Amino acid sequence: MNDNELTLLLFAIAAILFLLWLIKRREKPDITDFFQPVPVMTDREREFYVRLRETAEEHGLQIFTKVRLADLVVPLPKAENPYWMECFNKVKAKHIDFALADGEGNIVVLIELDDTTHARPDRIERDEFVDTVLYKCGYTLLRTYGELEAIEEELGEYIWE
């Protein structure tokens, strides 16, 4: 075998390997195999939910958990809002821990179960943004570290009487 034949053979092998690599790269795996289940609520949220459920039931209210912020508020239409995508990106992946609703599903109050992470500067900024957007959209948002009494006290006769 001369040098030209050897070069041609090596080139052919390299081309075949490259084609095999391209084919393999185009084969997409079933990405549904790359998920695992997680609990909807943390242990702390579940414990609070159980206590909140008793109070809500006494007053004919339903509890929704992990309500996506983008299901509560939407940016003004693109025609009126040149920042539509920025606005949507700020709400699309955030959620509110609990929403209390009347018998017809109308949101009466939103509840955030805070913890020590809410003292971090990035969380303070996030919480201020969420609080302001919800307030401007007419929602009542209550923050608690787990005390139901604080929620009942803050709402007063609005719901609980």
Protein backbone atom coordinates (compact mmCIF):
# COMPACT_ATOMS: atom_id res chain seq x y z
CA MET A 1 0.00 0.00 0.00
CA ASN A 2 1.49 3.30 -1.08
CA ASP A 3 1.30 6.67 0.70
CA ASN A 4 -1.62 7.92 -1.43
CA GLU A 5 -3.71 4.84 -0.68
CA LEU A 6 -2.90 5.07 3.03
CA THR A 7 -3.85 8.77 3.07
CA LEU A 8 -7.07 7.99 1.21
CA LEU A 9 -7.89 5.16 3.65
CA LEU A 10 -7.27 7.38 6.69
CA PHE A 11 -9.37 10.14 5.15
CA ALA A 12 -12.19 7.64 4.45
CA ILE A 13 -12.07 6.36 8.04
CA ALA A 14 -12.10 9.92 9.38
CA ALA A 15 -15.06 10.78 7.12
CA ILE A 16 -17.00 7.71 8.29
CA LEU A 17 -16.28 8.49 11.94
CA PHE A 18 -17.37 12.09 11.39
CA LEU A 19 -20.62 10.94 9.73
CA LEU A 20 -21.30 8.51 12.58
CA TRP A 21 -20.69 11.33 15.07
CA LEU A 22 -23.12 13.59 13.16
CA ILE A 23 -25.79 10.88 13.06
CA LYS A 24 -25.38 10.15 16.75
CA ARG A 25 -25.56 13.86 17.53
CA ARG A 26 -28.83 14.19 15.58
CA GLU A 27 -30.46 11.39 17.53
CA LYS A 28 -32.31 13.11 20.32
CA PRO A 29 -32.87 11.14 23.51
CA ASP A 30 -36.30 10.83 25.04
CA ILE A 31 -35.98 13.74 27.42
CA THR A 32 -38.94 12.48 29.45
CA ASP A 33 -36.40 10.09 31.00
CA PHE A 34 -34.59 13.03 32.59
CA PHE A 35 -37.24 13.98 35.16
CA GLN A 36 -38.03 12.91 38.69
CA PRO A 37 -40.99 13.70 40.92
CA VAL A 38 -40.73 16.16 43.78
CA PRO A 39 -43.21 17.02 46.53
CA VAL A 40 -45.39 20.02 45.72
CA MET A 41 -44.74 21.48 49.16
CA THR A 42 -41.83 21.44 51.54
CA ASP A 43 -42.41 19.93 54.98
CA ARG A 44 -42.74 23.44 56.40
CA GLU A 45 -45.27 24.46 53.73
CA ARG A 46 -47.27 21.25 54.27
CA GLU A 47 -47.39 21.86 58.04
CA PHE A 48 -48.59 25.43 57.46
CA TYR A 49 -51.10 24.24 54.84
CA VAL A 50 -52.71 21.81 57.30
CA ARG A 51 -53.17 24.60 59.86
CA LEU A 52 -54.34 27.08 57.19
CA ARG A 53 -56.81 24.54 55.78
CA GLU A 54 -58.67 24.30 59.06
CA THR A 55 -59.03 28.08 59.28
CA ALA A 56 -60.00 28.41 55.59
CA GLU A 57 -62.66 25.69 55.85
CA GLU A 58 -64.22 27.44 58.85
CA HIS A 59 -64.80 30.46 56.62
CA GLY A 60 -65.79 28.70 53.41
CA LEU A 61 -62.53 29.44 51.60
CA GLN A 62 -60.51 27.23 49.30
CA ILE A 63 -56.73 27.06 49.26
CA PHE A 64 -54.68 26.99 46.08
CA THR A 65 -50.99 26.20 46.45
CA LYS A 66 -48.02 27.25 44.35
CA VAL A 67 -49.96 29.67 42.17
CA ARG A 68 -47.78 30.92 39.33
CA LEU A 69 -47.39 34.68 39.42
CA ALA A 70 -47.96 34.82 35.64
CA ASP A 71 -51.40 33.27 36.28
CA LEU A 72 -52.27 36.17 38.57
CA VAL A 73 -50.81 39.08 36.59
CA VAL A 74 -49.86 39.65 32.97
CA PRO A 75 -47.93 42.49 31.36
CA LEU A 76 -49.88 45.13 29.50
CA PRO A 77 -50.21 44.24 25.79
CA LYS A 78 -47.16 44.69 23.57
CA ALA A 79 -48.80 47.59 21.74
CA GLU A 80 -48.82 49.58 25.01
CA ASN A 81 -45.74 48.08 26.60
CA PRO A 82 -42.33 48.10 24.90
CA TYR A 83 -41.01 46.10 27.90
CA TRP A 84 -43.51 43.24 27.52
CA MET A 85 -40.89 40.45 27.33
CA GLU A 86 -38.89 41.85 30.26
CA CYS A 87 -42.09 42.11 32.29
CA PHE A 88 -43.18 38.57 31.42
CA ASN A 89 -39.73 37.16 32.18
CA LYS A 90 -39.91 38.71 35.66
CA VAL A 91 -43.14 36.86 36.54
CA LYS A 92 -43.14 33.64 34.50
CA ALA A 93 -41.07 31.51 36.88
CA LYS A 94 -42.22 32.88 40.23
CA HIS A 95 -45.06 31.53 42.34
CA ILE A 96 -47.06 32.52 45.39
CA ASP A 97 -47.17 29.89 48.14
CA PHE A 98 -50.90 30.02 48.94
CA ALA A 99 -54.02 31.73 47.62
CA LEU A 100 -57.29 31.81 49.51
CA ALA A 101 -60.34 31.95 47.26
CA ASP A 102 -64.05 32.24 47.81
CA GLY A 103 -66.54 29.57 46.70
CA GLU A 104 -66.48 30.88 43.14
CA GLY A 105 -62.70 30.75 42.85
CA ASN A 106 -62.10 34.48 43.21
CA ILE A 107 -58.81 35.20 44.95
CA VAL A 108 -59.42 36.86 48.30
CA VAL A 109 -55.88 36.96 49.66
CA LEU A 110 -52.42 35.69 48.75
CA ILE A 111 -50.02 34.31 51.34
CA GLU A 112 -46.25 33.99 51.20
CA LEU A 113 -44.64 31.73 53.78
CA ASP A 114 -41.31 33.40 54.35
CA ASP A 115 -38.19 32.00 55.96
CA THR A 116 -34.68 33.24 56.69
CA THR A 117 -33.76 33.25 52.99
CA HIS A 118 -36.02 36.27 52.55
CA ALA A 119 -33.43 38.36 54.39
CA ARG A 120 -30.90 37.91 51.56
CA PRO A 121 -30.45 41.01 49.36
CA ASP A 122 -31.54 39.19 46.19
CA ARG A 123 -34.70 37.91 47.90
CA ILE A 124 -35.48 41.31 49.38
CA GLU A 125 -35.34 42.79 45.88
CA ARG A 126 -37.46 39.93 44.48
CA ASP A 127 -40.02 40.25 47.29
CA GLU A 128 -40.30 44.02 46.83
CA PHE A 129 -40.94 43.52 43.11
CA VAL A 130 -43.61 40.85 43.73
CA ASP A 131 -45.25 42.87 46.51
CA THR A 132 -45.43 46.00 44.34
CA VAL A 133 -46.78 44.25 41.24
CA LEU A 134 -49.46 42.43 43.23
CA TYR A 135 -50.43 45.59 45.09
CA LYS A 136 -50.72 47.59 41.85
CA CYS A 137 -52.90 44.82 40.39
CA GLY A 138 -55.25 44.97 43.38
CA TYR A 139 -54.24 41.84 45.30
CA THR A 140 -53.75 41.59 49.03
CA LEU A 141 -50.52 39.76 49.81
CA LEU A 142 -49.72 38.74 53.34
CA ARG A 143 -46.29 37.52 54.41
CA THR A 144 -45.86 35.26 57.40
CA TYR A 145 -43.22 33.13 59.03
CA GLY A 146 -45.95 30.61 59.81
CA GLU A 147 -48.20 32.43 62.24
CA LEU A 148 -51.88 32.11 61.37
CA GLU A 149 -52.75 34.61 64.06
CA ALA A 150 -50.91 37.34 62.16
CA ILE A 151 -52.92 36.56 59.04
CA GLU A 152 -56.25 36.59 60.88
CA GLU A 153 -55.29 39.80 62.68
CA GLU A 154 -54.19 41.58 59.52
CA LEU A 155 -57.30 40.60 57.62
CA GLY A 156 -59.60 41.51 60.48
CA GLU A 157 -63.21 41.62 59.41
CA TYR A 158 -62.30 41.51 55.72
CA ILE A 159 -62.67 37.72 55.67
CA TRP A 160 -62.78 36.18 59.07
CA GLU A 161 -65.91 37.81 60.47
